[in-house]
Protein backbone atom coordinates (compact mmCIF):
# COMPACT_ATOMS: atom_id res chain seq x y z
CA MET A 1 0.00 0.00 0.00
CA ARG A 2 1.20 3.54 -0.80
CA GLU A 3 0.98 6.74 1.17
CA LEU A 4 2.12 10.18 0.05
CA VAL A 5 4.95 11.38 2.28
CA PHE A 6 6.13 14.97 2.75
CA LEU A 7 9.93 14.97 2.87
CA GLY A 8 10.78 18.67 2.78
CA PRO A 9 9.89 21.86 0.93
CA ARG A 10 8.32 20.87 -2.42
CA LYS A 11 9.53 17.29 -1.99
CA LEU A 12 6.93 14.52 -1.80
CA GLU A 13 6.99 10.89 -2.82
CA TRP A 14 4.92 7.72 -2.67
CA ARG A 15 6.20 5.29 -0.06
CA GLU A 16 5.13 1.80 0.85
CA ALA A 17 3.36 1.48 4.20
CA PRO A 18 1.67 -1.33 6.12
CA GLU A 19 -1.90 -1.93 5.01
CA PRO A 20 -4.32 -0.65 7.67
CA ARG A 21 -6.55 -3.10 9.50
CA ILE A 22 -9.62 -2.89 11.69
CA GLU A 23 -8.31 -2.42 15.26
CA HIS A 24 -11.52 -1.38 17.04
CA PRO A 25 -15.17 -2.35 16.42
CA GLU A 26 -16.01 1.20 15.27
CA ASP A 27 -13.11 1.46 12.82
CA ALA A 28 -13.54 1.81 9.08
CA ILE A 29 -11.02 1.38 6.28
CA VAL A 30 -11.55 3.89 3.46
CA ARG A 31 -9.97 4.53 0.07
CA PRO A 32 -9.65 8.23 -0.87
CA ILE A 33 -11.05 8.93 -4.35
CA ALA A 34 -10.93 12.75 -4.32
CA ALA A 35 -8.32 14.40 -2.11
CA THR A 36 -7.12 17.97 -1.84
CA THR A 37 -4.79 20.18 0.16
CA CYS A 38 -5.91 22.39 2.98
CA ASP A 39 -4.27 25.79 3.42
CA LEU A 40 -1.99 24.36 6.10
CA ASP A 41 -0.86 21.57 3.74
CA THR A 42 0.04 24.14 1.11
CA ALA A 43 2.10 26.13 3.61
CA ILE A 44 3.85 22.96 4.78
CA ILE A 45 4.73 21.99 1.20
CA ARG A 46 6.06 25.48 0.50
CA GLY A 47 8.29 25.25 3.57
CA THR A 48 6.78 28.18 5.47
CA THR A 49 5.84 26.23 8.63
CA PRO A 50 7.87 24.63 11.45
CA PHE A 51 6.75 21.13 10.38
CA GLU A 52 9.51 18.86 9.14
CA GLY A 53 9.23 15.60 7.24
CA PRO A 54 8.93 12.81 6.75
CA PHE A 55 5.25 12.26 7.49
CA ALA A 56 2.16 11.19 5.56
CA ILE A 57 0.35 14.31 4.39
CA GLY A 58 -3.24 15.18 3.56
CA HIS A 59 -6.40 15.62 5.63
CA GLU A 60 -9.15 16.49 3.14
CA CYS A 61 -10.88 13.87 1.04
CA VAL A 62 -13.97 12.09 -0.15
CA ALA A 63 -13.40 8.35 0.16
CA GLU A 64 -15.17 5.12 -0.58
CA VAL A 65 -15.72 2.73 2.30
CA ALA A 66 -13.70 -0.45 1.82
CA HIS A 67 -14.35 -2.25 5.10
CA VAL A 68 -16.13 -1.56 8.39
CA GLY A 69 -15.90 -2.96 11.88
CA PRO A 70 -18.90 -4.56 13.61
CA GLY A 71 -19.63 -1.31 15.45
CA ALA A 72 -19.86 0.82 12.29
CA THR A 73 -22.51 -1.04 10.33
CA GLN A 74 -24.39 2.15 9.39
CA PHE A 75 -21.77 2.39 6.64
CA TYR A 76 -21.49 -0.02 3.73
CA ARG A 77 -18.75 -1.04 1.33
CA GLY A 78 -18.60 1.22 -1.69
CA GLN A 79 -20.36 4.12 0.06
CA HIS A 80 -18.90 7.57 -0.60
CA VAL A 81 -18.12 9.51 2.56
CA ILE A 82 -16.46 12.71 3.73
CA VAL A 83 -13.67 12.07 6.22
CA SER A 84 -13.53 14.62 9.02
CA TRP A 85 -9.95 15.61 9.67
CA HIS A 86 -10.02 15.64 13.49
CA ILE A 87 -9.35 12.32 15.25
CA SER A 88 -12.17 12.07 17.80
CA CYS A 89 -14.26 9.54 19.68
CA GLY A 90 -17.71 11.14 19.41
CA ARG A 91 -18.63 10.12 22.96
CA CYS A 92 -16.59 12.10 25.50
CA HIS A 93 -17.94 15.25 27.16
CA ARG A 94 -16.15 17.44 24.63
CA CYS A 95 -17.35 15.55 21.55
CA ALA A 96 -20.91 14.68 22.55
CA ARG A 97 -22.04 17.32 25.05
CA ARG A 98 -20.09 20.33 23.80
CA GLN A 99 -19.89 19.40 20.10
CA LEU A 100 -16.15 20.05 20.08
CA PRO A 101 -14.49 17.02 18.47
CA ASN A 102 -11.52 19.26 17.72
CA THR A 103 -10.74 19.03 21.45
CA CYS A 104 -11.67 15.36 22.02
CA SER A 105 -10.57 14.26 25.49
CA HIS A 106 -10.04 10.63 24.40
CA PHE A 107 -7.23 11.39 21.94
CA PRO A 108 -4.15 13.64 22.27
CA ARG A 109 -4.91 17.32 21.70
CA GLY A 110 -4.35 18.20 18.05
CA ALA A 111 -4.62 14.64 16.72
CA ALA A 112 -5.52 14.78 13.03
CA PHE A 113 -4.94 13.06 9.73
CA GLY A 114 -1.96 14.21 7.71
CA SER A 115 -0.10 15.84 10.58
CA PRO A 116 3.06 15.04 12.56
CA VAL A 117 1.36 16.44 15.69
CA GLN A 118 0.21 13.70 18.09
CA GLY A 119 0.39 11.11 15.33
CA PRO A 120 0.87 9.34 13.11
CA TRP A 121 -2.72 8.76 12.00
CA GLY A 122 -1.95 8.47 8.30
CA GLY A 123 -2.57 10.91 5.49
CA LEU A 124 -5.57 11.13 3.19
CA PHE A 125 -3.36 10.97 0.10
CA SER A 126 -3.04 7.22 0.62
CA ASP A 127 -4.31 4.05 -0.96
CA LEU A 128 -6.12 3.08 2.25
CA VAL A 129 -6.68 4.80 5.60
CA ARG A 130 -7.99 3.55 8.93
CA VAL A 131 -10.61 5.90 10.38
CA PRO A 132 -11.00 5.44 14.16
CA HIS A 133 -14.55 5.75 15.52
CA ALA A 134 -16.05 5.99 12.04
CA PRO A 135 -19.58 6.92 13.25
CA ALA A 136 -18.09 10.12 14.68
CA SER A 137 -15.86 10.90 11.71
CA LEU A 138 -17.54 9.84 8.45
CA VAL A 139 -20.39 11.73 6.75
CA PRO A 140 -22.18 10.07 3.81
CA LEU A 141 -22.16 12.02 0.57
CA PRO A 142 -25.57 12.71 -1.00
CA PRO A 143 -26.31 10.01 -3.58
CA GLY A 144 -25.41 10.71 -7.17
CA VAL A 145 -23.10 13.69 -6.64
CA ASP A 146 -19.68 14.00 -8.27
CA PRO A 147 -17.20 14.00 -5.36
CA THR A 148 -14.57 16.01 -7.25
CA HIS A 149 -15.24 19.38 -5.65
CA TRP A 150 -16.50 18.09 -2.29
CA ALA A 151 -13.18 16.91 -0.83
CA SER A 152 -12.59 20.06 1.22
CA LEU A 153 -15.70 19.33 3.30
CA SER A 154 -13.24 17.51 5.55
CA ASP A 155 -11.97 20.85 6.85
CA ASN A 156 -11.78 24.09 4.86
CA ILE A 157 -15.37 24.26 3.57
CA PRO A 158 -17.03 23.83 6.99
CA PHE A 159 -14.43 26.21 8.43
CA GLY A 160 -15.59 28.86 5.95
CA TYR A 161 -19.15 28.17 7.15
CA GLU A 162 -18.16 28.37 10.82
CA LEU A 163 -16.39 31.72 10.43
CA THR A 164 -19.42 33.42 8.88
CA VAL A 165 -22.85 31.79 8.87
CA PRO A 166 -23.47 31.42 12.66
CA HIS A 167 -22.54 35.08 13.17
CA LEU A 168 -24.82 36.17 10.31
CA LEU A 169 -27.69 34.19 11.81
CA ARG A 170 -27.28 36.29 14.94
CA ASN A 171 -26.74 39.50 12.96
CA PRO A 172 -28.67 39.19 9.66
CA GLY A 173 -27.46 41.35 6.80
CA ALA A 174 -24.24 42.36 8.55
CA ASP A 175 -21.24 43.48 6.52
CA VAL A 176 -18.25 41.13 6.49
CA LEU A 177 -14.54 41.84 6.02
CA ILE A 178 -12.25 38.98 4.98
CA MET A 179 -8.48 39.30 5.00
CA GLY A 180 -7.23 36.80 2.42
CA GLY A 181 -3.76 35.46 1.80
CA CYS A 182 -3.90 32.02 3.39
CA GLY A 183 -5.77 30.33 0.55
CA SER A 184 -9.10 28.58 0.25
CA VAL A 185 -10.60 29.18 3.72
CA ALA A 186 -10.88 32.91 3.02
CA LEU A 187 -12.62 32.22 -0.29
CA TYR A 188 -15.04 29.70 1.20
CA ALA A 189 -15.79 32.23 3.95
CA ALA A 190 -16.61 34.83 1.29
CA ALA A 191 -18.89 32.38 -0.50
CA PHE A 192 -20.76 31.42 2.68
CA ALA A 193 -21.08 35.05 3.78
CA ARG A 194 -22.67 35.95 0.46
CA ALA A 195 -24.93 32.86 0.50
CA ALA A 196 -26.04 33.59 4.07
CA GLY A 197 -27.24 37.09 3.20
CA ALA A 198 -24.40 39.34 4.33
CA GLY A 199 -24.57 42.99 3.31
CA ALA A 200 -21.18 43.91 1.87
CA VAL A 201 -18.58 41.14 1.65
CA ASP A 202 -15.20 42.83 1.26
CA TYR A 203 -12.20 40.63 0.47
CA ILE A 204 -8.68 42.09 0.75
CA ASP A 205 -5.70 40.31 -0.82
CA THR A 206 -2.69 40.90 -3.06
CA ASP A 207 -2.97 37.71 -5.12
CA ARG A 208 -4.70 38.50 -8.40
CA THR A 209 -5.85 34.91 -8.97
CA TRP A 210 -7.49 34.67 -5.56
CA LEU A 211 -9.05 38.13 -5.99
CA ASP A 212 -10.61 36.98 -9.26
CA ILE A 213 -12.06 33.91 -7.54
CA ALA A 214 -13.45 36.10 -4.75
CA THR A 215 -15.20 38.23 -7.38
CA LYS A 216 -16.77 35.14 -8.97
CA LEU A 217 -18.00 34.13 -5.52
CA GLY A 218 -19.80 37.46 -5.15
CA ALA A 219 -17.36 39.32 -2.94
CA ASN A 220 -16.06 42.85 -3.43
CA ALA A 221 -12.41 42.10 -4.20
CA ILE A 222 -9.95 44.77 -3.05
CA GLU A 223 -6.36 44.47 -4.25
CA MET A 224 -3.99 46.02 -1.73
CA PRO A 225 -1.64 45.15 1.12
CA PRO A 226 -3.31 45.03 4.52
CA PRO A 227 -3.98 48.58 5.75
CA ARG A 228 -3.86 49.53 9.39
CA ARG A 229 -7.66 49.57 9.45
CA HIS A 230 -10.38 49.18 6.83
CA GLY A 231 -13.68 50.61 8.01
CA SER A 232 -15.87 49.08 10.71
CA TYR A 233 -17.54 45.68 10.32
CA PRO A 234 -19.72 43.58 12.62
CA ILE A 235 -17.94 40.44 11.37
CA THR A 236 -14.28 40.14 10.36
CA VAL A 237 -12.25 37.12 9.32
CA ASP A 238 -8.47 36.81 9.26
CA ALA A 239 -7.37 34.03 6.91
CA SER A 240 -4.00 35.44 5.97
CA MET A 241 -0.99 33.95 7.79
CA ASN A 242 0.07 37.62 7.96
CA ALA A 243 0.39 39.58 11.21
CA ASP A 244 -0.50 42.92 9.61
CA SER A 245 -3.67 41.39 8.16
CA LEU A 246 -4.62 39.98 11.55
CA ARG A 247 -4.19 43.37 13.18
CA CYS A 248 -6.20 45.01 10.39
CA ALA A 249 -9.06 42.57 10.98
CA ILE A 250 -9.02 43.32 14.71
CA ARG A 251 -8.94 47.09 14.22
CA SER A 252 -11.71 46.87 11.60
CA THR A 253 -14.11 45.06 13.92
CA GLU A 254 -16.88 47.28 15.23
CA PRO A 255 -17.56 47.57 18.99
CA GLU A 256 -18.71 44.21 20.37
CA GLY A 257 -18.25 42.70 16.91
CA GLN A 258 -16.87 39.26 16.04
CA CYS A 259 -13.31 38.76 14.79
CA SER A 260 -12.14 35.25 13.90
CA SER A 261 -8.71 34.06 12.81
CA VAL A 262 -8.00 30.68 11.24
CA GLY A 263 -4.59 30.76 12.84
CA CYS A 264 -1.51 29.50 11.02
CA HIS A 265 0.51 32.32 12.59
CA PHE A 266 3.57 30.29 13.50
CA GLY A 267 4.98 32.40 16.29
CA GLU A 268 4.03 35.17 18.65
CA VAL A 269 2.09 38.07 17.13
CA ALA A 270 1.63 41.44 18.80
CA ILE A 271 -2.04 42.41 18.77
CA PRO A 272 -3.67 45.72 19.78
CA MET A 273 -5.10 44.59 23.10
CA MET A 274 -6.00 48.06 24.35
CA GLU A 275 -8.00 48.79 21.19
CA MET A 276 -9.76 45.44 21.59
CA TYR A 277 -10.49 46.19 25.23
CA VAL A 278 -11.88 49.67 24.61
CA ARG A 279 -14.21 48.53 21.81
CA GLY A 280 -15.05 45.13 23.24
CA ILE A 281 -13.99 42.59 20.60
CA ASN A 282 -15.16 38.98 20.56
CA PHE A 283 -12.11 37.13 19.25
CA TYR A 284 -11.78 33.49 18.22
CA THR A 285 -8.86 31.53 16.90
CA GLY A 286 -8.51 27.78 16.56
CA ARG A 287 -8.61 24.76 14.27
CA GLY A 288 -12.37 24.87 13.72
CA GLN A 289 -14.99 22.49 15.06
CA GLY A 290 -14.97 20.32 11.95
CA ARG A 291 -17.49 17.46 12.12
CA PRO A 292 -20.47 19.37 13.67
CA ASN A 293 -20.47 21.78 10.70
CA ILE A 294 -19.92 19.36 7.82
CA GLU A 295 -23.59 18.60 7.16
CA LYS A 296 -24.58 22.25 7.65
CA ALA A 297 -22.00 23.35 5.10
CA MET A 298 -22.84 20.46 2.79
CA ALA A 299 -26.45 21.69 2.60
CA PHE A 300 -25.21 24.96 1.05
CA VAL A 301 -23.03 23.07 -1.43
CA ASP A 302 -25.74 20.56 -2.35
CA ALA A 303 -28.22 23.39 -2.95
CA ARG A 304 -25.64 25.18 -5.15
CA ARG A 305 -25.71 28.19 -2.86
CA VAL A 306 -21.93 27.78 -2.52
CA LYS A 307 -20.08 26.74 -5.69
CA THR A 308 -16.98 25.00 -4.44
CA GLU A 309 -15.72 24.27 -7.97
CA LEU A 310 -14.87 27.96 -8.33
CA VAL A 311 -12.21 27.54 -5.65
CA THR A 312 -10.64 24.41 -7.19
CA THR A 313 -7.48 25.37 -9.04
CA GLU A 314 -6.91 22.11 -10.93
CA VAL A 315 -8.17 18.53 -11.17
CA MET A 316 -5.48 15.92 -11.74
CA PRO A 317 -4.98 12.14 -11.55
CA PHE A 318 -4.37 10.79 -8.04
CA ASP A 319 -1.10 9.13 -9.03
CA ALA A 320 0.32 12.54 -10.02
CA ALA A 321 0.03 13.85 -6.46
CA PRO A 322 3.77 14.23 -5.74
CA GLU A 323 4.35 16.45 -8.75
CA VAL A 324 1.06 18.35 -8.54
CA LEU A 325 1.32 19.15 -4.83
CA ALA A 326 4.96 20.19 -5.16
CA ARG A 327 3.86 22.99 -7.50
CA GLY A 328 2.09 24.59 -4.56
CA SER A 329 -1.13 25.66 -6.26
CA MET A 330 -3.87 26.67 -3.85
CA LYS A 331 -6.53 23.98 -4.27
CA PRO A 332 -5.64 21.05 -6.52
CA VAL A 333 -7.99 18.06 -6.39
CA LEU A 334 -6.51 14.62 -7.05
CA VAL A 335 -9.06 12.06 -8.25
CA ARG A 336 -9.29 8.39 -9.16
CA PRO A 337 -12.23 6.14 -10.01
CA PRO A 338 -13.83 4.01 -7.29
CA VAL A 339 -13.00 0.31 -7.24
CA CYS A 340 -15.87 -0.68 -4.96
CA GLY A 341 -19.37 -1.17 -6.23
CA PRO A 342 -22.27 -0.12 -4.01
CA GLU A 343 -23.32 -3.73 -3.38
CA ALA A 344 -20.06 -5.19 -2.12
CA CYS A 345 -16.41 -4.38 -1.88
CA ASP A 346 -14.17 -6.26 0.47
CA ILE A 347 -10.67 -5.04 1.23
CA THR A 348 -9.53 -8.65 1.11
CA GLN A 349 -10.33 -8.72 -2.61
CA HIS A 350 -7.39 -6.39 -3.21
CA SER A 351 -3.81 -7.36 -2.54
CA GLY A 352 -0.92 -4.99 -2.27
CA ARG A 353 -1.32 -1.66 -4.07
CA ILE A 354 -4.92 -0.96 -4.98
CA GLY A 355 -4.42 2.70 -5.90
């Protein structure tokens, strides 16, 4: 069995790995059929993070179910599912009562697919992957849909939902400022803000390609470096990996407004605490809730209210992943045809490399 391994900046290769097996009754073995990079993956590949290889990369995919344990029989072989990127149990007080599987108390904090932190759990650019506690981590895809542009529902798409839609439900028609620069999360946030009925959706970035995508998604694209402040907005989103952009988002948040940052600031960042204190800023940063928002975000995608294909930068064969990912484009999707039919597909039917 192969898994895609990150070795160093713009260096990836397929490596042989042990074939995963059912280890717990609620485990599932899945085969990714449409996988993509999250914004963090892209930064890792470009060499702009502290993460060092080698480790199996990738935590966004649609997969087909290849085998399930006796405690995960709500899934069937050949079923297409979204794989949530957080490793979580679904039962602890954090997962079940608080709906925070990103802070599951059963697994080490930060455990996730495709990451060297608290792992290894395997990467979703692999021939096969074991998904612990599948009932908590797998979400069936609607029947009949093409999975090509749905892979980012593992992480970035529901993150874009989380950063905007709940705040717009509490403040209908509010204006939204999005500081781009990180990649797809900012663009998904713009799409969800527009779909959820925001007033103005202003998107600031310096990348012409991303600005053009933001325009297609219905945002007001503004090409410029991050200013010190840009107006006053009830809802602001920092998805930049840039300290000046983060500070601009904070300063542009109206009194008692909501400012959210997707993080990926690898180091200490000075923020204007006194300005935040005087105005009363509600500030959030973190890795996103993940699983609790997948179906909510999927409803927007399924209804074509959010057109995820506009964010996809290229669609390429799965086997070309090392070369495609090394190029560092924002949102490549790597696809391959399913091997499992909907009636039956047993992992034991396949020996060695099935990718």
